[in-house]
């Protein structure tokens, strides 16, 4: 899940990449010019999560 303008409290993903069956996520996504603080949340098949915040610009 990717939120291009994370407010620091609530994740509002603009992109949710959930592939079917044995497919993989795309892994590369164009960053919009108006993006601010970007929050990425990756969850694996065991429900382990990685959350990363990046400032754009």
C-alpha atoms as a PDB file:
ATOM      1  CA  UNK A   1       0.000   0.000   0.000  1.00  0.00           C
ATOM      2  CA  UNK A   2       1.279   3.465  -0.855  1.00  0.00           C
ATOM      3  CA  UNK A   3      -0.054   6.747   0.509  1.00  0.00           C
ATOM      4  CA  UNK A   4       1.444   9.657  -1.470  1.00  0.00           C
ATOM      5  CA  UNK A   5       0.461  12.293   1.143  1.00  0.00           C
ATOM      6  CA  UNK A   6       0.637  10.583   4.527  1.00  0.00           C
ATOM      7  CA  UNK A   7      -0.580  12.858   7.325  1.00  0.00           C
ATOM      8  CA  UNK A   8       1.328  11.049  10.072  1.00  0.00           C
ATOM      9  CA  UNK A   9      -1.758   9.392  11.530  1.00  0.00           C
ATOM     10  CA  UNK A  10      -3.972   7.615   8.997  1.00  0.00           C
ATOM     11  CA  UNK A  11      -2.770   5.582   6.011  1.00  0.00           C
ATOM     12  CA  UNK A  12      -4.945   6.399   2.987  1.00  0.00           C
ATOM     13  CA  UNK A  13      -3.415   4.295   0.205  1.00  0.00           C
ATOM     14  CA  UNK A  14      -3.705   5.493  -3.381  1.00  0.00           C
ATOM     15  CA  UNK A  15      -2.116   2.232  -4.554  1.00  0.00           C
ATOM     16  CA  UNK A  16      -2.898  -1.228  -3.221  1.00  0.00           C
ATOM     17  CA  UNK A  17      -0.967  -3.875  -5.135  1.00  0.00           C
ATOM     18  CA  UNK A  18      -2.357  -7.306  -4.264  1.00  0.00           C
ATOM     19  CA  UNK A  19      -1.487  -9.810  -7.007  1.00  0.00           C
ATOM     20  CA  UNK A  20      -3.469 -12.949  -7.776  1.00  0.00           C
ATOM     21  CA  UNK A  21      -2.207 -16.447  -6.960  1.00  0.00           C
ATOM     22  CA  UNK A  22       1.525 -16.861  -7.779  1.00  0.00           C
ATOM     23  CA  UNK A  23       1.973 -13.398  -9.316  1.00  0.00           C
ATOM     24  CA  UNK A  24       4.318 -10.775  -7.860  1.00  0.00           C
ATOM     25  CA  UNK A  25       3.701  -7.114  -7.064  1.00  0.00           C
ATOM     26  CA  UNK A  26       4.794  -4.604  -9.727  1.00  0.00           C
ATOM     27  CA  UNK A  27       7.455  -3.182  -7.392  1.00  0.00           C
ATOM     28  CA  UNK A  28       7.874   0.120  -9.280  1.00  0.00           C
ATOM     29  CA  UNK A  29       5.344   2.927  -9.156  1.00  0.00           C
ATOM     30  CA  UNK A  30       5.604   6.464 -10.611  1.00  0.00           C
ATOM     31  CA  UNK A  31       5.669   9.122  -7.881  1.00  0.00           C
ATOM     32  CA  UNK A  32       3.172  11.927  -8.566  1.00  0.00           C
ATOM     33  CA  UNK A  33       4.597  15.479  -8.682  1.00  0.00           C
ATOM     34  CA  UNK A  34       2.223  16.559  -5.905  1.00  0.00           C
ATOM     35  CA  UNK A  35       3.416  13.810  -3.517  1.00  0.00           C
ATOM     36  CA  UNK A  36       4.433  14.949  -0.050  1.00  0.00           C
ATOM     37  CA  UNK A  37       5.264  12.535   2.751  1.00  0.00           C
ATOM     38  CA  UNK A  38       5.091   9.041   1.275  1.00  0.00           C
ATOM     39  CA  UNK A  39       4.152   6.085   3.474  1.00  0.00           C
ATOM     40  CA  UNK A  40       4.675   2.527   2.206  1.00  0.00           C
ATOM     41  CA  UNK A  41       3.322  -0.521   4.005  1.00  0.00           C
ATOM     42  CA  UNK A  42       4.374  -3.986   2.861  1.00  0.00           C
ATOM     43  CA  UNK A  43       2.722  -7.066   4.355  1.00  0.00           C
ATOM     44  CA  UNK A  44       3.972 -10.574   3.596  1.00  0.00           C
ATOM     45  CA  UNK A  45       2.028 -13.849   3.507  1.00  0.00           C
ATOM     46  CA  UNK A  46       2.696 -14.402   7.210  1.00  0.00           C
ATOM     47  CA  UNK A  47       1.126 -10.991   8.029  1.00  0.00           C
ATOM     48  CA  UNK A  48       4.479  -9.472   8.991  1.00  0.00           C
ATOM     49  CA  UNK A  49       4.584  -5.776   8.055  1.00  0.00           C
ATOM     50  CA  UNK A  50       7.233  -3.240   7.100  1.00  0.00           C
ATOM     51  CA  UNK A  51       6.273   0.441   7.250  1.00  0.00           C
ATOM     52  CA  UNK A  52       8.521   3.125   5.750  1.00  0.00           C
ATOM     53  CA  UNK A  53       8.003   6.895   5.532  1.00  0.00           C
ATOM     54  CA  UNK A  54       9.860   9.042   2.969  1.00  0.00           C
ATOM     55  CA  UNK A  55       9.667  12.795   2.370  1.00  0.00           C
ATOM     56  CA  UNK A  56       9.389  13.666  -1.323  1.00  0.00           C
ATOM     57  CA  UNK A  57      10.738  16.842  -2.822  1.00  0.00           C
END
